Amino acid sequence: MPMNGQIMTSTVTLPVGMTLETFALFLVLLAFCVVLLILELKQRKEMHEMDKRLRKLMRGKNAASLESEIIHLFEANDVLTESAHDLTKRIELLQQQVDTSIRKVGLIRYDAFQQMGGKLSFALCMLNEDGAGLILNSVHSQEGNYTYVKEVVDGRCETDLGTEEQQALDRALSEP
């Protein structure tokens, strides 16, 4: 216990000749130096990587030639952007043409008359993606060949269809 208001201090001395407080301060400073060394090494590595990238960028160039290269790249980018826009328009036009082209086909071959053989008559249905198109019916007989055309709109025909014509229409509509 201190007497007469005196403060006691620690006088523990370590074998290296330092007090405990001095040794603790030394350890804190040593840890701080290690952290600083690690940060310095990390900074040097980042600077080395940046220097490599800069050397690669500036390889054989000066400021004026680098500026012309950048301008050239911007111009090339404008050309590519315009070309991509052009190609997009062409693709849209092709898509419209594909949508209106014949994509679904149904064919039914049949014998129109009992005495005829070989299934020389046929009903052919050709539709676009929207179900618009035609049914072509070719009837073969001994007297000749007769062809009939019927219009199809939205997958339906205003004219009455024969059995084979309806089968051809159904087959065409069932295609993906």
N, C-alpha and C. Protein backbone atom coordinates (compact mmCIF):
# COMPACT_ATOMS: atom_id res chain seq x y z
N MET A 1 0.83 -1.18 0.00
CA MET A 1 0.00 0.00 0.00
C MET A 1 0.87 1.23 0.00
N PRO A 2 0.49 2.21 -0.84
CA PRO A 2 1.29 3.43 -0.86
C PRO A 2 1.00 4.27 0.38
N MET A 3 2.01 4.92 0.82
CA MET A 3 1.85 5.77 1.99
C MET A 3 2.03 7.22 1.60
N ASN A 4 1.30 8.06 2.25
CA ASN A 4 1.38 9.50 2.09
C ASN A 4 1.13 9.95 0.65
N GLY A 5 0.21 9.30 -0.09
CA GLY A 5 -0.19 9.72 -1.43
C GLY A 5 0.85 9.45 -2.50
N GLN A 6 1.78 8.58 -2.28
CA GLN A 6 2.78 8.26 -3.30
C GLN A 6 2.21 7.21 -4.25
N ILE A 7 2.58 7.33 -5.54
CA ILE A 7 2.13 6.35 -6.54
C ILE A 7 3.26 5.37 -6.75
N MET A 8 2.87 4.11 -6.79
CA MET A 8 3.89 3.08 -7.00
C MET A 8 4.02 2.82 -8.49
N THR A 9 5.20 2.65 -8.94
CA THR A 9 5.44 2.33 -10.33
C THR A 9 6.12 0.98 -10.40
N SER A 10 5.94 0.33 -11.59
CA SER A 10 6.54 -0.98 -11.78
C SER A 10 7.99 -0.80 -12.20
N THR A 11 8.82 -1.54 -11.59
CA THR A 11 10.23 -1.47 -11.93
C THR A 11 10.73 -2.85 -12.33
N VAL A 12 9.83 -3.64 -12.99
CA VAL A 12 10.25 -4.97 -13.43
C VAL A 12 11.23 -4.78 -14.56
N THR A 13 12.35 -5.38 -14.47
CA THR A 13 13.38 -5.28 -15.50
C THR A 13 13.49 -6.64 -16.17
N LEU A 14 13.50 -6.60 -17.49
CA LEU A 14 13.65 -7.83 -18.26
C LEU A 14 15.12 -8.15 -18.42
N PRO A 15 15.43 -9.42 -18.79
CA PRO A 15 16.85 -9.80 -18.91
C PRO A 15 17.62 -8.98 -19.93
N VAL A 16 16.95 -8.34 -20.89
CA VAL A 16 17.66 -7.56 -21.90
C VAL A 16 17.92 -6.15 -21.41
N GLY A 17 17.56 -5.82 -20.25
CA GLY A 17 17.84 -4.52 -19.68
C GLY A 17 16.74 -3.50 -19.91
N MET A 18 15.53 -3.93 -20.30
CA MET A 18 14.42 -3.01 -20.51
C MET A 18 13.37 -3.24 -19.44
N THR A 19 12.60 -2.17 -19.22
CA THR A 19 11.48 -2.33 -18.31
C THR A 19 10.34 -2.96 -19.09
N LEU A 20 9.33 -3.45 -18.39
CA LEU A 20 8.20 -4.11 -19.02
C LEU A 20 7.46 -3.15 -19.94
N GLU A 21 7.28 -1.90 -19.55
CA GLU A 21 6.59 -0.91 -20.37
C GLU A 21 7.36 -0.63 -21.66
N THR A 22 8.69 -0.53 -21.54
CA THR A 22 9.52 -0.27 -22.71
C THR A 22 9.46 -1.45 -23.67
N PHE A 23 9.47 -2.67 -23.14
CA PHE A 23 9.41 -3.87 -23.98
C PHE A 23 8.05 -3.96 -24.70
N ALA A 24 6.96 -3.63 -24.00
CA ALA A 24 5.63 -3.64 -24.63
C ALA A 24 5.57 -2.62 -25.75
N LEU A 25 6.13 -1.44 -25.52
CA LEU A 25 6.16 -0.41 -26.55
C LEU A 25 6.99 -0.88 -27.74
N PHE A 26 8.10 -1.55 -27.45
CA PHE A 26 8.94 -2.10 -28.50
C PHE A 26 8.17 -3.11 -29.35
N LEU A 27 7.39 -3.99 -28.73
CA LEU A 27 6.61 -5.00 -29.46
C LEU A 27 5.54 -4.34 -30.33
N VAL A 28 4.88 -3.31 -29.82
CA VAL A 28 3.86 -2.61 -30.59
C VAL A 28 4.50 -1.95 -31.81
N LEU A 29 5.66 -1.30 -31.59
CA LEU A 29 6.36 -0.66 -32.72
C LEU A 29 6.85 -1.69 -33.73
N LEU A 30 7.30 -2.84 -33.25
CA LEU A 30 7.74 -3.91 -34.14
C LEU A 30 6.57 -4.43 -34.98
N ALA A 31 5.40 -4.63 -34.38
CA ALA A 31 4.20 -5.09 -35.11
C ALA A 31 3.79 -4.04 -36.15
N PHE A 32 3.87 -2.76 -35.76
CA PHE A 32 3.54 -1.67 -36.68
C PHE A 32 4.49 -1.69 -37.88
N CYS A 33 5.78 -1.93 -37.64
CA CYS A 33 6.76 -1.98 -38.72
C CYS A 33 6.49 -3.16 -39.65
N VAL A 34 6.10 -4.29 -39.12
CA VAL A 34 5.78 -5.47 -39.94
C VAL A 34 4.58 -5.17 -40.83
N VAL A 35 3.54 -4.54 -40.28
CA VAL A 35 2.36 -4.17 -41.07
C VAL A 35 2.75 -3.21 -42.19
N LEU A 36 3.58 -2.20 -41.85
CA LEU A 36 4.04 -1.25 -42.87
C LEU A 36 4.84 -1.94 -43.96
N LEU A 37 5.68 -2.91 -43.59
CA LEU A 37 6.46 -3.65 -44.57
C LEU A 37 5.55 -4.44 -45.51
N ILE A 38 4.54 -5.08 -44.97
CA ILE A 38 3.59 -5.83 -45.81
C ILE A 38 2.86 -4.89 -46.76
N LEU A 39 2.41 -3.75 -46.26
CA LEU A 39 1.74 -2.78 -47.12
C LEU A 39 2.67 -2.26 -48.21
N GLU A 40 3.92 -2.04 -47.87
CA GLU A 40 4.91 -1.57 -48.85
C GLU A 40 5.11 -2.61 -49.95
N LEU A 41 5.23 -3.88 -49.58
CA LEU A 41 5.41 -4.95 -50.58
C LEU A 41 4.20 -5.07 -51.49
N LYS A 42 3.03 -4.93 -50.90
CA LYS A 42 1.81 -5.00 -51.71
C LYS A 42 1.76 -3.82 -52.69
N GLN A 43 2.10 -2.63 -52.22
CA GLN A 43 2.10 -1.44 -53.07
C GLN A 43 3.11 -1.58 -54.21
N ARG A 44 4.28 -2.14 -53.91
CA ARG A 44 5.29 -2.34 -54.95
C ARG A 44 4.80 -3.31 -56.02
N LYS A 45 4.11 -4.37 -55.60
CA LYS A 45 3.58 -5.34 -56.57
C LYS A 45 2.55 -4.68 -57.47
N GLU A 46 1.64 -3.90 -56.90
CA GLU A 46 0.63 -3.20 -57.70
C GLU A 46 1.28 -2.21 -58.66
N MET A 47 2.29 -1.50 -58.23
CA MET A 47 2.99 -0.55 -59.09
C MET A 47 3.69 -1.28 -60.23
N HIS A 48 4.25 -2.45 -59.94
CA HIS A 48 4.92 -3.24 -60.97
C HIS A 48 3.91 -3.69 -62.04
N GLU A 49 2.75 -4.15 -61.61
CA GLU A 49 1.70 -4.58 -62.56
C GLU A 49 1.23 -3.39 -63.40
N MET A 50 1.05 -2.24 -62.78
CA MET A 50 0.60 -1.06 -63.51
C MET A 50 1.68 -0.61 -64.50
N ASP A 51 2.94 -0.70 -64.09
CA ASP A 51 4.03 -0.34 -64.99
C ASP A 51 4.08 -1.27 -66.20
N LYS A 52 3.85 -2.55 -66.00
CA LYS A 52 3.81 -3.50 -67.11
C LYS A 52 2.69 -3.16 -68.08
N ARG A 53 1.51 -2.84 -67.55
CA ARG A 53 0.37 -2.49 -68.42
C ARG A 53 0.67 -1.20 -69.19
N LEU A 54 1.27 -0.24 -68.53
CA LEU A 54 1.59 1.03 -69.19
C LEU A 54 2.62 0.80 -70.29
N ARG A 55 3.64 0.00 -70.01
CA ARG A 55 4.65 -0.29 -71.04
C ARG A 55 4.02 -0.99 -72.24
N LYS A 56 3.11 -1.91 -71.99
CA LYS A 56 2.42 -2.61 -73.08
C LYS A 56 1.59 -1.63 -73.90
N LEU A 57 0.89 -0.73 -73.24
CA LEU A 57 0.07 0.26 -73.91
C LEU A 57 0.92 1.22 -74.74
N MET A 58 2.04 1.63 -74.19
CA MET A 58 2.87 2.64 -74.84
C MET A 58 3.94 2.05 -75.75
N ARG A 59 3.97 0.75 -75.94
CA ARG A 59 4.99 0.08 -76.72
C ARG A 59 5.14 0.75 -78.10
N GLY A 60 6.28 1.35 -78.35
CA GLY A 60 6.58 1.98 -79.63
C GLY A 60 5.76 3.23 -79.91
N LYS A 61 5.19 3.85 -78.91
CA LYS A 61 4.31 4.99 -79.13
C LYS A 61 4.81 6.19 -78.34
N ASN A 62 4.45 7.34 -78.87
CA ASN A 62 4.61 8.55 -78.09
C ASN A 62 3.22 9.14 -77.87
N ALA A 63 3.12 10.26 -77.22
CA ALA A 63 1.80 10.80 -76.89
C ALA A 63 0.99 11.10 -78.14
N ALA A 64 1.59 11.64 -79.19
CA ALA A 64 0.86 11.99 -80.41
C ALA A 64 0.36 10.74 -81.12
N SER A 65 1.20 9.72 -81.24
CA SER A 65 0.76 8.50 -81.93
C SER A 65 -0.28 7.76 -81.11
N LEU A 66 -0.16 7.83 -79.80
CA LEU A 66 -1.17 7.19 -78.95
C LEU A 66 -2.52 7.88 -79.12
N GLU A 67 -2.51 9.20 -79.23
CA GLU A 67 -3.75 9.94 -79.44
C GLU A 67 -4.38 9.55 -80.78
N SER A 68 -3.57 9.42 -81.82
CA SER A 68 -4.13 9.04 -83.13
C SER A 68 -4.67 7.61 -83.09
N GLU A 69 -4.02 6.73 -82.33
CA GLU A 69 -4.52 5.36 -82.18
C GLU A 69 -5.89 5.37 -81.49
N ILE A 70 -6.04 6.17 -80.46
CA ILE A 70 -7.32 6.25 -79.74
C ILE A 70 -8.41 6.81 -80.65
N ILE A 71 -8.08 7.84 -81.43
CA ILE A 71 -9.06 8.40 -82.37
C ILE A 71 -9.45 7.34 -83.40
N HIS A 72 -8.47 6.60 -83.89
CA HIS A 72 -8.75 5.52 -84.86
C HIS A 72 -9.69 4.47 -84.25
N LEU A 73 -9.46 4.14 -82.99
CA LEU A 73 -10.32 3.15 -82.33
C LEU A 73 -11.75 3.67 -82.20
N PHE A 74 -11.91 4.95 -81.88
CA PHE A 74 -13.25 5.52 -81.79
C PHE A 74 -13.95 5.50 -83.15
N GLU A 75 -13.21 5.82 -84.21
CA GLU A 75 -13.79 5.78 -85.55
C GLU A 75 -14.18 4.36 -85.93
N ALA A 76 -13.32 3.40 -85.62
CA ALA A 76 -13.63 2.00 -85.91
C ALA A 76 -14.85 1.55 -85.13
N ASN A 77 -14.98 2.02 -83.91
CA ASN A 77 -16.14 1.68 -83.09
C ASN A 77 -17.42 2.24 -83.72
N ASP A 78 -17.34 3.47 -84.26
CA ASP A 78 -18.51 4.06 -84.92
C ASP A 78 -18.91 3.24 -86.14
N VAL A 79 -17.93 2.79 -86.91
CA VAL A 79 -18.21 1.97 -88.09
C VAL A 79 -18.86 0.65 -87.67
N LEU A 80 -18.32 0.03 -86.63
CA LEU A 80 -18.89 -1.23 -86.15
C LEU A 80 -20.31 -1.04 -85.62
N THR A 81 -20.56 0.06 -84.94
CA THR A 81 -21.90 0.34 -84.42
C THR A 81 -22.89 0.51 -85.56
N GLU A 82 -22.48 1.26 -86.59
CA GLU A 82 -23.34 1.46 -87.75
C GLU A 82 -23.59 0.13 -88.47
N SER A 83 -22.56 -0.67 -88.60
CA SER A 83 -22.68 -1.98 -89.25
C SER A 83 -23.62 -2.89 -88.46
N ALA A 84 -23.50 -2.87 -87.16
CA ALA A 84 -24.39 -3.69 -86.32
C ALA A 84 -25.84 -3.24 -86.46
N HIS A 85 -26.05 -1.93 -86.54
CA HIS A 85 -27.40 -1.39 -86.73
C HIS A 85 -27.95 -1.84 -88.09
N ASP A 86 -27.11 -1.79 -89.12
CA ASP A 86 -27.49 -2.25 -90.46
C ASP A 86 -27.87 -3.73 -90.44
N LEU A 87 -27.05 -4.53 -89.78
CA LEU A 87 -27.32 -5.97 -89.71
C LEU A 87 -28.61 -6.25 -88.94
N THR A 88 -28.89 -5.47 -87.92
CA THR A 88 -30.13 -5.65 -87.16
C THR A 88 -31.33 -5.39 -88.05
N LYS A 89 -31.27 -4.35 -88.87
CA LYS A 89 -32.36 -4.06 -89.80
C LYS A 89 -32.55 -5.21 -90.79
N ARG A 90 -31.43 -5.72 -91.31
CA ARG A 90 -31.51 -6.83 -92.27
C ARG A 90 -32.11 -8.08 -91.63
N ILE A 91 -31.73 -8.35 -90.40
CA ILE A 91 -32.26 -9.52 -89.69
C ILE A 91 -33.76 -9.36 -89.48
N GLU A 92 -34.20 -8.16 -89.12
CA GLU A 92 -35.63 -7.92 -88.94
C GLU A 92 -36.39 -8.12 -90.24
N LEU A 93 -35.82 -7.65 -91.37
CA LEU A 93 -36.45 -7.84 -92.67
C LEU A 93 -36.52 -9.32 -93.02
N LEU A 94 -35.43 -10.04 -92.78
CA LEU A 94 -35.43 -11.48 -93.04
C LEU A 94 -36.45 -12.20 -92.17
N GLN A 95 -36.58 -11.78 -90.92
CA GLN A 95 -37.56 -12.40 -90.03
C GLN A 95 -38.97 -12.18 -90.55
N GLN A 96 -39.26 -10.98 -91.05
CA GLN A 96 -40.58 -10.71 -91.63
C GLN A 96 -40.82 -11.61 -92.85
N GLN A 97 -39.78 -11.78 -93.67
CA GLN A 97 -39.94 -12.63 -94.84
C GLN A 97 -40.14 -14.09 -94.45
N VAL A 98 -39.44 -14.53 -93.43
CA VAL A 98 -39.60 -15.91 -92.96
C VAL A 98 -41.01 -16.11 -92.40
N ASP A 99 -41.50 -15.12 -91.65
CA ASP A 99 -42.83 -15.25 -91.05
C ASP A 99 -43.92 -15.36 -92.10
N THR A 100 -43.73 -14.72 -93.25
CA THR A 100 -44.77 -14.76 -94.29
C THR A 100 -44.51 -15.85 -95.32
N SER A 101 -43.40 -16.56 -95.23
CA SER A 101 -43.10 -17.62 -96.20
C SER A 101 -43.79 -18.92 -95.79
N ILE A 102 -43.87 -19.83 -96.75
CA ILE A 102 -44.48 -21.14 -96.50
C ILE A 102 -43.58 -21.92 -95.55
N ARG A 103 -44.15 -22.32 -94.42
CA ARG A 103 -43.36 -23.04 -93.43
C ARG A 103 -44.02 -24.33 -92.99
N LYS A 104 -45.30 -24.44 -93.26
CA LYS A 104 -46.04 -25.63 -92.82
C LYS A 104 -46.66 -26.28 -94.05
N VAL A 105 -46.41 -27.56 -94.20
CA VAL A 105 -46.90 -28.28 -95.39
C VAL A 105 -47.57 -29.58 -94.94
N GLY A 106 -48.70 -29.84 -95.56
CA GLY A 106 -49.40 -31.11 -95.34
C GLY A 106 -49.75 -31.71 -96.69
N LEU A 107 -49.39 -32.97 -96.92
CA LEU A 107 -49.64 -33.64 -98.20
C LEU A 107 -50.38 -34.95 -97.93
N ILE A 108 -51.48 -35.13 -98.63
CA ILE A 108 -52.24 -36.38 -98.56
C ILE A 108 -52.39 -36.90 -99.98
N ARG A 109 -51.91 -38.10 -100.22
CA ARG A 109 -52.10 -38.76 -101.52
C ARG A 109 -53.27 -39.72 -101.40
N TYR A 110 -54.07 -39.81 -102.48
CA TYR A 110 -55.25 -40.67 -102.42
C TYR A 110 -55.68 -41.07 -103.82
N ASP A 111 -56.57 -42.07 -103.87
CA ASP A 111 -57.21 -42.50 -105.13
C ASP A 111 -58.56 -41.80 -105.20
N ALA A 112 -58.73 -40.97 -106.23
CA ALA A 112 -59.97 -40.21 -106.35
C ALA A 112 -61.14 -41.09 -106.78
N PHE A 113 -60.86 -42.13 -107.54
CA PHE A 113 -61.92 -42.99 -108.05
C PHE A 113 -61.55 -44.44 -107.76
N GLN A 114 -62.57 -45.25 -107.57
CA GLN A 114 -62.36 -46.65 -107.21
C GLN A 114 -61.58 -47.42 -108.27
N GLN A 115 -61.85 -47.15 -109.54
CA GLN A 115 -61.21 -47.92 -110.61
C GLN A 115 -59.76 -47.50 -110.84
N MET A 116 -59.35 -46.35 -110.28
CA MET A 116 -57.98 -45.87 -110.46
C MET A 116 -57.11 -46.37 -109.30
N GLY A 117 -55.86 -46.63 -109.56
CA GLY A 117 -54.94 -47.06 -108.51
C GLY A 117 -53.70 -46.19 -108.51
N GLY A 118 -52.82 -46.41 -107.57
CA GLY A 118 -51.55 -45.72 -107.53
C GLY A 118 -51.55 -44.40 -106.78
N LYS A 119 -52.66 -44.03 -106.22
CA LYS A 119 -52.76 -42.78 -105.45
C LYS A 119 -52.15 -41.61 -106.22
N LEU A 120 -52.69 -41.37 -107.42
CA LEU A 120 -52.19 -40.30 -108.28
C LEU A 120 -52.80 -38.94 -107.95
N SER A 121 -53.87 -38.90 -107.18
CA SER A 121 -54.48 -37.64 -106.76
C SER A 121 -53.84 -37.21 -105.43
N PHE A 122 -53.88 -35.91 -105.17
CA PHE A 122 -53.29 -35.43 -103.92
C PHE A 122 -53.95 -34.13 -103.48
N ALA A 123 -53.88 -33.88 -102.16
CA ALA A 123 -54.28 -32.61 -101.57
C ALA A 123 -53.04 -32.06 -100.87
N LEU A 124 -52.64 -30.88 -101.27
CA LEU A 124 -51.43 -30.26 -100.73
C LEU A 124 -51.82 -28.95 -100.06
N CYS A 125 -51.49 -28.82 -98.76
CA CYS A 125 -51.77 -27.59 -98.02
C CYS A 125 -50.44 -26.94 -97.69
N MET A 126 -50.32 -25.64 -98.00
CA MET A 126 -49.09 -24.87 -97.72
C MET A 126 -49.49 -23.61 -96.97
N LEU A 127 -48.90 -23.44 -95.74
CA LEU A 127 -49.27 -22.32 -94.88
C LEU A 127 -48.03 -21.58 -94.39
N ASN A 128 -48.22 -20.30 -94.06
CA ASN A 128 -47.15 -19.55 -93.39
C ASN A 128 -47.34 -19.70 -91.89
N GLU A 129 -46.53 -18.98 -91.12
CA GLU A 129 -46.57 -19.09 -89.65
C GLU A 129 -47.91 -18.67 -89.08
N ASP A 130 -48.61 -17.75 -89.75
CA ASP A 130 -49.90 -17.25 -89.26
C ASP A 130 -51.07 -18.12 -89.69
N GLY A 131 -50.81 -19.22 -90.40
CA GLY A 131 -51.89 -20.10 -90.84
C GLY A 131 -52.57 -19.63 -92.11
N ALA A 132 -51.90 -18.77 -92.88
CA ALA A 132 -52.45 -18.30 -94.16
C ALA A 132 -51.75 -19.03 -95.29
N GLY A 133 -52.51 -19.37 -96.31
CA GLY A 133 -51.91 -20.06 -97.45
C GLY A 133 -52.99 -20.60 -98.36
N LEU A 134 -52.73 -21.82 -98.88
CA LEU A 134 -53.68 -22.41 -99.82
C LEU A 134 -53.68 -23.92 -99.72
N ILE A 135 -54.77 -24.49 -100.25
CA ILE A 135 -54.87 -25.94 -100.41
C ILE A 135 -55.00 -26.19 -101.91
N LEU A 136 -54.11 -27.00 -102.41
CA LEU A 136 -54.10 -27.37 -103.82
C LEU A 136 -54.58 -28.82 -103.90
N ASN A 137 -55.67 -29.06 -104.63
CA ASN A 137 -56.21 -30.40 -104.76
C ASN A 137 -56.14 -30.80 -106.22
N SER A 138 -55.38 -31.85 -106.50
CA SER A 138 -55.23 -32.35 -107.86
C SER A 138 -55.92 -33.71 -107.93
N VAL A 139 -56.97 -33.77 -108.77
CA VAL A 139 -57.75 -35.00 -108.91
C VAL A 139 -57.39 -35.63 -110.26
N HIS A 140 -56.90 -36.86 -110.21
CA HIS A 140 -56.50 -37.60 -111.42
C HIS A 140 -57.59 -38.61 -111.77
N SER A 141 -58.04 -38.54 -113.04
CA SER A 141 -59.03 -39.51 -113.52
C SER A 141 -58.58 -40.01 -114.89
N GLN A 142 -59.37 -40.94 -115.46
CA GLN A 142 -59.04 -41.47 -116.78
C GLN A 142 -59.19 -40.39 -117.85
N GLU A 143 -60.09 -39.46 -117.65
CA GLU A 143 -60.31 -38.41 -118.63
C GLU A 143 -59.26 -37.29 -118.55
N GLY A 144 -58.58 -37.15 -117.41
CA GLY A 144 -57.60 -36.09 -117.28
C GLY A 144 -57.30 -35.76 -115.82
N ASN A 145 -56.63 -34.66 -115.64
CA ASN A 145 -56.23 -34.23 -114.32
C ASN A 145 -56.86 -32.86 -114.07
N TYR A 146 -57.52 -32.70 -112.93
CA TYR A 146 -58.20 -31.45 -112.58
C TYR A 146 -57.59 -30.91 -111.28
N THR A 147 -57.30 -29.61 -111.29
CA THR A 147 -56.66 -29.00 -110.13
C THR A 147 -57.55 -27.91 -109.57
N TYR A 148 -57.68 -27.89 -108.24
CA TYR A 148 -58.51 -26.90 -107.55
C TYR A 148 -57.67 -26.24 -106.46
N VAL A 149 -57.90 -24.95 -106.27
CA VAL A 149 -57.18 -24.20 -105.24
C VAL A 149 -58.19 -23.57 -104.30
N LYS A 150 -57.91 -23.68 -103.00
CA LYS A 150 -58.77 -23.06 -101.98
C LYS A 150 -57.89 -22.25 -101.04
N GLU A 151 -58.34 -21.05 -100.70
CA GLU A 151 -57.58 -20.15 -99.83
C GLU A 151 -57.79 -20.50 -98.36
N VAL A 152 -56.72 -20.38 -97.59
CA VAL A 152 -56.77 -20.61 -96.14
C VAL A 152 -56.33 -19.33 -95.45
N VAL A 153 -57.14 -18.87 -94.47
CA VAL A 153 -56.82 -17.68 -93.68
C VAL A 153 -56.99 -18.05 -92.21
N ASP A 154 -55.96 -17.76 -91.41
CA ASP A 154 -55.97 -18.09 -89.97
C ASP A 154 -56.28 -19.55 -89.70
N GLY A 155 -55.79 -20.43 -90.57
CA GLY A 155 -55.98 -21.87 -90.37
C GLY A 155 -57.36 -22.38 -90.72
N ARG A 156 -58.19 -21.53 -91.37
CA ARG A 156 -59.55 -21.95 -91.74
C ARG A 156 -59.78 -21.64 -93.22
N CYS A 157 -60.68 -22.42 -93.81
CA CYS A 157 -61.03 -22.22 -95.21
C CYS A 157 -62.51 -21.88 -95.29
N GLU A 158 -62.85 -20.82 -96.06
CA GLU A 158 -64.25 -20.40 -96.22
C GLU A 158 -65.06 -21.43 -97.03
N THR A 159 -64.38 -22.11 -97.93
CA THR A 159 -65.03 -23.10 -98.79
C THR A 159 -65.05 -24.45 -98.07
N ASP A 160 -66.09 -25.23 -98.31
CA ASP A 160 -66.16 -26.58 -97.74
C ASP A 160 -64.99 -27.41 -98.26
N LEU A 161 -64.41 -28.20 -97.38
CA LEU A 161 -63.25 -29.02 -97.73
C LEU A 161 -63.65 -30.48 -97.84
N GLY A 162 -63.02 -31.16 -98.79
CA GLY A 162 -63.19 -32.60 -98.88
C GLY A 162 -62.38 -33.28 -97.78
N THR A 163 -62.57 -34.58 -97.64
CA THR A 163 -61.89 -35.33 -96.58
C THR A 163 -60.37 -35.20 -96.67
N GLU A 164 -59.83 -35.41 -97.86
CA GLU A 164 -58.38 -35.35 -98.05
C GLU A 164 -57.86 -33.92 -97.85
N GLU A 165 -58.62 -32.93 -98.30
CA GLU A 165 -58.21 -31.54 -98.11
C GLU A 165 -58.16 -31.18 -96.63
N GLN A 166 -59.16 -31.63 -95.87
CA GLN A 166 -59.17 -31.37 -94.42
C GLN A 166 -58.00 -32.07 -93.74
N GLN A 167 -57.69 -33.30 -94.19
CA GLN A 167 -56.54 -34.02 -93.62
C GLN A 167 -55.23 -33.27 -93.92
N ALA A 168 -55.09 -32.75 -95.14
CA ALA A 168 -53.89 -31.99 -95.49
C ALA A 168 -53.78 -30.72 -94.66
N LEU A 169 -54.90 -30.03 -94.45
CA LEU A 169 -54.92 -28.83 -93.62
C LEU A 169 -54.54 -29.17 -92.18
N ASP A 170 -55.13 -30.21 -91.64
CA ASP A 170 -54.82 -30.62 -90.25
C ASP A 170 -53.35 -30.99 -90.11
N ARG A 171 -52.80 -31.67 -91.10
CA ARG A 171 -51.39 -32.08 -91.04
C ARG A 171 -50.48 -30.84 -91.06
N ALA A 172 -50.81 -29.87 -91.92
CA ALA A 172 -50.00 -28.64 -92.00
C ALA A 172 -50.09 -27.85 -90.70
N LEU A 173 -51.28 -27.76 -90.12
CA LEU A 173 -51.43 -27.01 -88.87
C LEU A 173 -50.74 -27.67 -87.70
N SER A 174 -50.55 -28.97 -87.75
CA SER A 174 -49.93 -29.68 -86.64
C SER A 174 -48.40 -29.57 -86.65
N GLU A 175 -47.82 -29.04 -87.75
CA GLU A 175 -46.36 -28.88 -87.80
C GLU A 175 -45.96 -27.72 -86.89
N PRO A 176 -44.81 -27.86 -86.26
CA PRO A 176 -44.34 -26.80 -85.35
C PRO A 176 -43.93 -25.53 -86.07
